[in-house]
Protein backbone atom coordinates (compact mmCIF):
# COMPACT_ATOMS: atom_id res chain seq x y z
CA MET A 1 -194.56 -26.22 -89.41
CA ASN A 2 -196.73 -28.95 -90.87
CA ASN A 3 -198.35 -30.91 -88.06
CA SER A 4 -197.87 -34.17 -89.98
CA LYS A 5 -194.10 -33.78 -90.08
CA TYR A 6 -191.95 -35.65 -87.62
CA VAL A 7 -189.92 -33.50 -85.22
CA PHE A 8 -186.64 -34.63 -86.79
CA ALA A 9 -187.91 -33.72 -90.27
CA GLN A 10 -188.87 -30.29 -88.95
CA LEU A 11 -185.31 -29.83 -87.66
CA THR A 12 -183.74 -30.58 -91.04
CA VAL A 13 -185.60 -27.58 -92.51
CA PHE A 14 -183.00 -25.43 -90.73
CA LEU A 15 -180.20 -27.10 -92.76
CA ASP A 16 -179.28 -25.65 -96.15
CA ARG A 17 -179.59 -28.70 -98.38
CA ASN A 18 -178.66 -26.77 -101.53
CA HIS A 19 -175.27 -25.85 -100.07
CA PHE A 20 -174.72 -29.42 -98.87
CA ASN A 21 -175.54 -30.74 -102.34
CA TYR A 22 -173.01 -28.29 -103.78
CA LEU A 23 -170.33 -29.76 -101.50
CA VAL A 24 -171.37 -33.30 -102.46
CA ARG A 25 -170.95 -32.46 -106.15
CA LYS A 26 -167.64 -30.72 -105.41
CA TYR A 27 -166.15 -33.88 -103.88
CA GLY A 28 -168.12 -36.47 -105.87
CA GLY A 29 -169.73 -37.87 -102.75
CA ASN A 30 -172.71 -39.48 -104.50
CA LYS A 31 -170.74 -41.02 -107.36
CA TYR A 32 -172.06 -44.53 -108.09
CA VAL A 33 -174.53 -44.18 -105.18
CA LYS A 34 -178.06 -45.46 -105.83
CA HIS A 35 -179.89 -45.34 -102.50
CA PHE A 36 -178.00 -44.19 -99.37
CA THR A 37 -176.82 -40.68 -100.35
CA CYS A 38 -174.54 -38.27 -98.47
CA TRP A 39 -177.62 -36.35 -97.32
CA ASN A 40 -179.11 -39.56 -95.89
CA GLN A 41 -175.78 -40.22 -94.20
CA LEU A 42 -175.60 -36.75 -92.64
CA LEU A 43 -179.14 -36.99 -91.27
CA ALA A 44 -178.47 -40.46 -89.85
CA MET A 45 -175.36 -39.15 -88.08
CA ILE A 46 -177.22 -36.11 -86.70
CA PHE A 47 -180.05 -38.40 -85.58
CA GLY A 48 -177.49 -40.49 -83.70
CA GLN A 49 -176.05 -37.39 -82.02
CA LEU A 50 -179.45 -36.05 -80.98
CA SER A 51 -180.72 -39.42 -79.76
CA ASN A 52 -177.48 -40.10 -77.85
CA ARG A 53 -176.63 -43.45 -79.50
CA GLU A 54 -173.68 -45.33 -78.02
CA SER A 55 -172.54 -47.31 -81.08
CA LEU A 56 -173.18 -47.85 -84.77
CA ARG A 57 -175.24 -50.93 -83.98
CA ASP A 58 -177.23 -48.96 -81.42
CA LEU A 59 -177.90 -46.24 -84.00
CA VAL A 60 -179.03 -48.67 -86.69
CA VAL A 61 -181.30 -50.53 -84.24
CA ALA A 62 -182.92 -47.23 -83.26
CA ILE A 63 -183.49 -46.34 -86.92
CA GLU A 64 -184.79 -49.84 -87.72
CA ALA A 65 -187.34 -49.47 -84.92
CA HIS A 66 -188.86 -46.70 -87.05
CA ARG A 67 -188.37 -48.43 -90.39
CA SER A 68 -191.75 -47.30 -91.73
CA LYS A 69 -190.78 -43.67 -91.03
CA CYS A 70 -187.30 -43.77 -92.59
CA TYR A 71 -188.24 -42.01 -95.82
CA HIS A 72 -190.09 -39.20 -94.05
CA LEU A 73 -187.25 -38.80 -91.52
CA GLY A 74 -184.83 -38.27 -94.40
CA PHE A 75 -182.84 -41.53 -94.22
CA GLY A 76 -183.96 -42.87 -97.60
CA LYS A 77 -185.51 -46.31 -98.04
CA ASN A 78 -183.62 -47.89 -95.15
CA VAL A 79 -180.32 -47.72 -93.25
CA SER A 80 -178.23 -50.84 -92.73
CA LYS A 81 -175.20 -51.15 -90.50
CA THR A 82 -173.08 -52.12 -93.51
CA SER A 83 -174.14 -49.19 -95.69
CA LEU A 84 -173.62 -46.60 -92.94
CA ALA A 85 -170.25 -48.07 -91.91
CA ARG A 86 -169.07 -48.16 -95.53
CA ALA A 87 -170.22 -44.57 -96.12
CA ASN A 88 -168.35 -43.32 -93.04
CA GLN A 89 -165.26 -45.20 -94.08
CA THR A 90 -165.08 -44.25 -97.76
CA ARG A 91 -166.84 -40.93 -98.39
CA ASP A 92 -164.69 -37.80 -98.33
CA PHE A 93 -164.80 -36.23 -94.87
CA HIS A 94 -164.22 -32.80 -96.42
CA ILE A 95 -167.91 -32.72 -97.39
CA PHE A 96 -168.90 -32.81 -93.73
CA GLU A 97 -166.02 -30.59 -92.62
CA GLU A 98 -166.95 -27.79 -95.02
CA PHE A 99 -170.64 -28.09 -94.18
CA ALA A 100 -169.76 -27.86 -90.48
CA TYR A 101 -167.86 -24.63 -91.21
CA TYR A 102 -170.84 -23.35 -93.18
CA LEU A 103 -173.16 -23.98 -90.20
CA VAL A 104 -170.57 -22.38 -87.90
CA GLY A 105 -170.72 -19.24 -90.02
CA GLU A 106 -174.52 -19.22 -89.97
CA ALA A 107 -174.69 -19.76 -86.21
CA ARG A 108 -172.10 -17.07 -85.46
CA ARG A 109 -173.85 -14.58 -87.71
CA LYS A 110 -177.21 -15.20 -86.03
CA ARG A 111 -175.82 -15.13 -82.47
CA ALA A 112 -173.54 -12.11 -82.95
CA THR A 113 -173.30 -9.95 -79.84
CA ASP A 114 -170.91 -7.45 -78.23
CA ILE A 115 -170.47 -8.55 -74.63
CA PHE A 116 -166.88 -7.38 -74.14
CA LYS A 117 -167.40 -3.98 -75.81
CA LEU A 118 -164.17 -4.31 -77.76
CA ASP A 119 -163.62 -3.64 -81.46
CA GLY A 120 -163.01 -7.16 -82.71
CA ASN A 121 -163.97 -10.77 -82.05
CA ILE A 122 -162.77 -12.49 -78.88
CA TYR A 123 -161.40 -16.02 -79.26
CA ALA A 124 -160.00 -18.64 -76.90
CA PHE A 125 -157.80 -21.38 -78.36
CA ASP A 126 -157.25 -24.73 -76.69
CA SER A 127 -157.48 -28.47 -77.31
CA THR A 128 -159.22 -31.46 -75.78
CA THR A 129 -157.86 -35.00 -75.93
CA VAL A 130 -159.97 -38.07 -76.69
CA SER A 131 -158.34 -41.35 -75.66
CA LEU A 132 -158.56 -44.25 -78.11
CA CYS A 133 -157.63 -47.93 -78.02
CA LEU A 134 -154.37 -48.22 -79.96
CA GLU A 135 -155.14 -51.77 -81.14
CA VAL A 136 -158.34 -50.57 -82.82
CA PHE A 137 -157.37 -47.01 -83.81
CA TRP A 138 -153.85 -47.88 -84.95
CA TRP A 139 -153.49 -44.63 -86.94
CA ALA A 140 -153.89 -42.48 -83.78
CA LYS A 141 -150.69 -43.55 -82.04
CA PHE A 142 -149.84 -41.42 -79.02
CA SER A 143 -147.26 -43.55 -77.21
CA LYS A 144 -146.16 -47.16 -77.22
CA TYR A 145 -149.34 -48.37 -75.53
CA LYS A 146 -151.83 -45.51 -75.99
CA GLY A 147 -153.79 -43.93 -78.78
CA GLY A 148 -155.70 -40.69 -78.97
CA ILE A 149 -156.67 -37.61 -80.92
CA LYS A 150 -156.78 -33.91 -80.13
CA ILE A 151 -159.51 -31.52 -81.19
CA HIS A 152 -157.89 -28.07 -81.39
CA THR A 153 -160.61 -25.43 -81.25
CA LEU A 154 -160.81 -21.67 -81.71
CA TYR A 155 -163.86 -20.74 -79.63
CA ASP A 156 -165.79 -17.50 -80.11
CA LEU A 157 -166.44 -16.38 -76.53
CA GLU A 158 -169.26 -14.01 -77.43
CA THR A 159 -171.38 -16.25 -79.68
CA GLN A 160 -170.31 -19.48 -77.87
CA ILE A 161 -169.69 -21.15 -81.24
CA PRO A 162 -166.42 -22.84 -82.29
CA ALA A 163 -165.04 -20.76 -85.18
CA PHE A 164 -162.19 -23.10 -86.18
CA PHE A 165 -161.26 -26.69 -85.38
CA HIS A 166 -158.29 -28.84 -86.27
CA ILE A 167 -158.07 -32.58 -85.59
CA SER A 168 -154.68 -34.19 -85.00
CA THR A 169 -153.21 -37.18 -83.21
CA ALA A 170 -152.65 -36.67 -79.48
CA SER A 171 -148.88 -36.68 -80.00
CA VAL A 172 -148.95 -33.22 -81.63
CA TYR A 173 -147.91 -30.41 -79.27
CA ASP A 174 -150.54 -27.73 -78.78
CA SER A 175 -148.20 -24.87 -79.68
CA LYS A 176 -147.38 -26.51 -83.04
CA VAL A 177 -150.98 -26.07 -84.17
CA MET A 178 -150.97 -22.29 -83.64
CA LYS A 179 -149.76 -21.87 -87.23
CA GLU A 180 -153.10 -23.30 -88.42
CA ILE A 181 -155.17 -20.58 -86.71
CA PRO A 182 -156.79 -18.17 -89.21
CA ILE A 183 -155.90 -14.70 -87.92
CA GLU A 184 -158.38 -11.81 -88.19
CA SER A 185 -157.13 -8.26 -88.04
CA GLY A 186 -158.28 -6.52 -84.85
CA ALA A 187 -159.37 -9.74 -83.09
CA TYR A 188 -158.26 -10.87 -79.61
CA TYR A 189 -156.79 -14.34 -79.06
CA ILE A 190 -156.52 -15.86 -75.58
CA PHE A 191 -154.15 -18.75 -74.79
CA ASP A 192 -153.06 -20.81 -71.82
CA ARG A 193 -149.36 -21.13 -70.99
CA GLY A 194 -148.92 -24.16 -73.27
CA TYR A 195 -149.01 -21.72 -76.18
CA ASN A 196 -145.90 -19.64 -75.40
CA ASN A 197 -144.81 -19.87 -79.03
CA PHE A 198 -143.29 -16.43 -79.58
CA LYS A 199 -142.94 -16.90 -83.33
CA GLU A 200 -146.69 -17.45 -83.71
CA LEU A 201 -147.53 -14.73 -81.19
CA TYR A 202 -145.49 -12.31 -83.26
CA ARG A 203 -147.40 -13.41 -86.36
CA ILE A 204 -150.62 -12.42 -84.55
CA HIS A 205 -149.06 -9.08 -83.63
CA CYS A 206 -147.90 -8.38 -87.20
CA THR A 207 -151.41 -8.92 -88.60
CA GLY A 208 -152.81 -6.15 -86.38
CA SER A 209 -154.42 -8.52 -83.90
CA PHE A 210 -154.01 -8.88 -80.14
CA PHE A 211 -153.30 -11.73 -77.76
CA VAL A 212 -153.34 -12.54 -74.07
CA VAL A 213 -151.31 -15.57 -73.04
CA ARG A 214 -150.46 -16.90 -69.61
CA ALA A 215 -146.69 -16.65 -69.16
CA LYS A 216 -144.50 -19.47 -67.95
CA SER A 217 -142.84 -19.14 -64.55
CA ASN A 218 -139.34 -19.31 -66.07
CA LEU A 219 -139.88 -16.35 -68.41
CA GLN A 220 -136.72 -14.28 -68.84
CA TYR A 221 -137.39 -10.59 -69.30
CA LYS A 222 -136.35 -7.05 -68.38
CA CYS A 223 -138.75 -4.29 -67.29
CA ILE A 224 -138.63 -1.15 -69.42
CA LYS A 225 -141.29 0.83 -67.57
CA TRP A 226 -144.24 0.12 -65.34
CA LYS A 227 -147.38 1.73 -63.97
CA ARG A 228 -147.55 2.76 -60.32
CA ARG A 229 -151.27 3.23 -59.66
CA LEU A 230 -152.90 -0.17 -60.08
CA PRO A 231 -156.50 -1.39 -59.56
CA ASP A 232 -157.38 -4.01 -56.95
CA GLY A 233 -155.98 -7.43 -57.72
CA ILE A 234 -153.31 -6.17 -60.15
CA LEU A 235 -149.80 -6.64 -58.76
CA THR A 236 -147.79 -5.49 -61.80
CA ASP A 237 -148.49 -3.77 -65.10
CA ALA A 238 -145.23 -3.28 -66.97
CA GLU A 239 -143.73 -2.95 -70.42
CA ILE A 240 -140.97 -5.53 -70.89
CA GLU A 241 -138.55 -6.93 -73.41
CA LEU A 242 -137.53 -10.57 -73.62
CA THR A 243 -133.92 -11.27 -72.65
CA PHE A 244 -133.52 -14.89 -73.72
CA SER A 245 -131.86 -14.68 -77.15
CA ASP A 246 -134.07 -17.19 -78.93
CA SER A 247 -137.29 -15.67 -77.54
CA ARG A 248 -136.13 -12.14 -78.40
CA LYS A 249 -135.30 -13.26 -81.93
CA ARG A 250 -138.79 -14.70 -82.38
CA TYR A 251 -140.53 -11.71 -80.73
CA PRO A 252 -138.26 -8.66 -81.15
CA GLU A 253 -140.72 -6.01 -79.90
CA HIS A 254 -141.79 -5.02 -76.40
CA LEU A 255 -144.55 -6.89 -74.58
CA ARG A 256 -146.91 -6.05 -71.77
CA LEU A 257 -146.69 -8.07 -68.54
CA VAL A 258 -149.62 -8.13 -66.11
CA ARG A 259 -149.47 -9.97 -62.79
CA PHE A 260 -152.88 -10.65 -61.26
CA PHE A 261 -153.86 -12.15 -57.90
CA ASP A 262 -157.11 -14.12 -57.93
CA GLU A 263 -158.60 -13.97 -54.44
CA GLU A 264 -161.16 -16.71 -55.17
CA GLN A 265 -158.43 -19.25 -55.96
CA SER A 266 -155.70 -17.59 -53.86
CA ARG A 267 -153.40 -17.85 -56.89
CA GLU A 268 -151.19 -15.47 -58.81
CA PHE A 269 -151.28 -15.36 -62.61
CA MET A 270 -148.85 -13.71 -64.99
CA PHE A 271 -150.01 -12.67 -68.47
CA LEU A 272 -148.26 -11.45 -71.61
CA SER A 273 -150.06 -9.29 -74.13
CA ASN A 274 -149.52 -6.85 -76.96
CA ALA A 275 -152.78 -5.01 -76.15
CA PHE A 276 -151.38 -1.89 -74.54
CA GLU A 277 -154.61 0.09 -74.94
CA LEU A 278 -156.60 -2.20 -72.61
CA THR A 279 -156.69 -1.69 -68.86
CA SER A 280 -154.86 -4.27 -66.76
CA SER A 281 -158.22 -5.46 -65.37
CA GLN A 282 -159.51 -6.04 -68.91
CA VAL A 283 -156.46 -8.18 -69.68
CA ALA A 284 -157.11 -10.28 -66.57
CA ASP A 285 -160.83 -10.58 -67.39
CA LEU A 286 -160.10 -11.69 -70.95
CA TYR A 287 -157.96 -14.53 -69.66
CA LYS A 288 -160.53 -15.41 -67.00
CA ASN A 289 -163.10 -15.92 -69.75
CA ARG A 290 -160.79 -18.42 -71.44
CA TRP A 291 -162.36 -20.93 -69.05
CA GLN A 292 -165.45 -20.92 -71.28
CA ILE A 293 -163.70 -23.13 -73.80
CA GLU A 294 -163.05 -25.69 -71.05
CA LEU A 295 -166.77 -25.67 -70.24
CA PHE A 296 -167.53 -26.09 -73.93
CA PHE A 297 -165.29 -29.16 -74.18
CA LYS A 298 -166.88 -30.62 -71.05
CA TRP A 299 -170.38 -29.95 -72.38
CA LEU A 300 -169.54 -31.43 -75.80
CA LYS A 301 -168.18 -34.66 -74.30
CA GLN A 302 -171.13 -35.03 -71.93
CA HIS A 303 -173.98 -34.38 -74.37
CA LEU A 304 -172.72 -35.28 -77.85
CA LYS A 305 -170.89 -38.34 -79.12
CA ILE A 306 -167.20 -37.56 -79.58
CA LYS A 307 -165.74 -39.99 -77.02
CA ARG A 308 -167.14 -43.27 -78.38
CA PHE A 309 -166.86 -43.61 -82.13
CA TRP A 310 -169.08 -45.51 -84.55
CA GLY A 311 -166.19 -46.35 -86.87
CA THR A 312 -162.49 -47.14 -86.46
CA THR A 313 -160.90 -45.42 -89.47
CA GLU A 314 -159.63 -41.84 -89.37
CA ASN A 315 -162.20 -40.86 -92.00
CA ALA A 316 -165.09 -42.25 -89.91
CA VAL A 317 -163.83 -40.50 -86.76
CA ARG A 318 -163.58 -37.18 -88.55
CA ILE A 319 -167.08 -37.49 -90.03
CA GLN A 320 -168.51 -38.22 -86.57
CA ILE A 321 -166.77 -35.21 -85.02
CA TYR A 322 -167.95 -32.91 -87.81
CA SER A 323 -171.46 -34.32 -87.43
CA ALA A 324 -171.33 -33.43 -83.73
CA ILE A 325 -170.31 -29.87 -84.59
CA CYS A 326 -173.13 -29.68 -87.17
CA THR A 327 -175.56 -30.84 -84.48
CA TYR A 328 -174.32 -28.24 -81.99
CA CYS A 329 -174.64 -25.45 -84.57
CA LEU A 330 -178.07 -26.70 -85.66
CA VAL A 331 -179.34 -26.44 -82.08
CA ALA A 332 -177.82 -22.94 -81.79
CA ILE A 333 -179.56 -21.86 -85.00
CA ILE A 334 -182.89 -23.29 -83.82
CA GLN A 335 -182.53 -21.48 -80.49
CA HIS A 336 -182.03 -18.19 -82.33
CA ASP A 337 -184.63 -18.57 -85.08
CA MET A 338 -187.35 -19.80 -82.71
CA HIS A 339 -186.42 -17.30 -79.96
CA LEU A 340 -186.18 -20.10 -77.38
CA ASP A 341 -185.60 -19.07 -73.79
CA ARG A 342 -184.00 -22.42 -73.03
CA SER A 343 -180.47 -23.69 -72.56
CA THR A 344 -178.77 -25.86 -75.17
CA TYR A 345 -178.95 -28.75 -72.70
CA GLU A 346 -182.71 -28.39 -72.40
CA VAL A 347 -183.20 -28.25 -76.15
CA LEU A 348 -181.15 -31.42 -76.63
CA GLN A 349 -183.01 -33.25 -73.86
CA ILE A 350 -186.40 -32.34 -75.30
CA LEU A 351 -185.40 -33.27 -78.85
CA SER A 352 -183.79 -36.58 -77.86
CA MET A 353 -187.14 -37.85 -76.55
CA SER A 354 -189.30 -36.41 -79.35
CA LEU A 355 -187.51 -36.98 -82.66
CA THR A 356 -190.19 -39.31 -84.06
CA ASP A 357 -193.18 -37.41 -82.67
CA THR A 358 -195.38 -35.28 -84.94
CA THR A 359 -195.70 -32.35 -82.53
CA PRO A 360 -194.98 -28.94 -84.09
CA LEU A 361 -191.66 -27.59 -82.80
CA LYS A 362 -193.21 -24.46 -81.31
CA ASP A 363 -195.69 -26.53 -79.29
CA LEU A 364 -192.98 -28.98 -78.31
CA PHE A 365 -190.86 -26.31 -76.62
CA ASN A 366 -193.74 -24.21 -75.28
CA LYS A 367 -195.50 -27.08 -73.54
CA THR A 368 -192.41 -28.77 -72.09
CA ILE A 369 -191.63 -27.65 -68.54
CA PHE A 370 -188.08 -28.14 -67.28
CA LYS A 371 -187.64 -27.84 -63.53
CA ASN A 372 -184.08 -29.03 -62.93
CA ASP A 373 -182.43 -25.69 -62.24
CA LYS A 374 -179.06 -27.30 -61.57
CA GLU A 375 -178.97 -28.63 -65.12
CA ARG A 376 -180.48 -25.47 -66.58
CA PHE A 377 -178.26 -22.89 -64.97
CA GLY A 378 -175.47 -24.88 -63.36
CA PHE A 379 -172.59 -26.92 -64.59
CA ASN A 380 -173.65 -28.22 -67.97
CA GLU A 381 -174.37 -24.99 -69.86
CA PRO A 382 -171.45 -22.79 -70.90
CA THR A 383 -172.12 -19.25 -69.67
CA LEU A 384 -170.00 -16.15 -69.86
CA PHE A 385 -168.69 -14.44 -66.75
CA ASP A 386 -170.48 -11.21 -65.92
CA ASN A 387 -167.69 -9.18 -64.33
CA PHE A 388 -166.48 -6.93 -67.13
CA ASP A 389 -164.92 -3.49 -66.88
């Protein structure tokens, strides 16, 4: 890296500007724009995510403090509150959505691994709710007095990168969004019990993919056959058929039922799956790793800005969420390409305090010593469980 470049400018080298410009031309994002382009807008939003800005005014004040550096940071001549607010409100969010998916693909390709030793990707699907003030975010009505949105996410458990995301109002039931999931043949999909949608589970089965879903306590079924010799912790491993007429109509084939007792939590779990070739312990371990998506949501809300929004329109909210995903993937790509032996939390903390420095990135990470082991290895960094069969 050039020593004269600011740290933030060095980071943007990892972004494919040619592909972003293609998306801008595709959606006419820079039509009638003279100064503050879509690229300037994206970098300003990523700068706000990395520097942990609380509001649009806070972001603009931070940029204005480095007014003489704006051009070299990639923001153009200058950034005003009005121009950034108008851009977030009017420019097509699909530009940022498709670029986020492009970065997701790059990050997943670079971080590809085979932790579970299964033929196929392993995904967990869940949603997180962000509460909003109904008087301000009128379009996100949840109930008579509340507003909110849901971010439905398909999370790749091996690469720790979100592979698919769908934004809806908080009033949409989780199971209704299952039809939006892109299904890969041979992949494994893990769900909590809010996703007992047998029609969609059968769609997964018919595409040659597999699922593990936590069953509801009122499940109506009949055992066809079951295994007698079971490993520790497994109470039941049986082949069943659904007896409730509507459920059997939606899923006409046999299912596998595994009952597992978790000694750590002193709780019993019941799972349904169509993966008959896995051991019962593997089925239980797959569901146990579903917790990684909960850690991801917690991490995202703690360290990136998706709870307080810098605009009130649906378009502005979507652009901010996609900018947060771009930032997360950018950090993941930097970690891989620079071979950093540091957690995502550490990288973000170092960058947030050094964006306008001129230190080369390699020196920045090599010379910074992080001693807070609780933050490094504890509760803020999503990590996979290590108890696999």
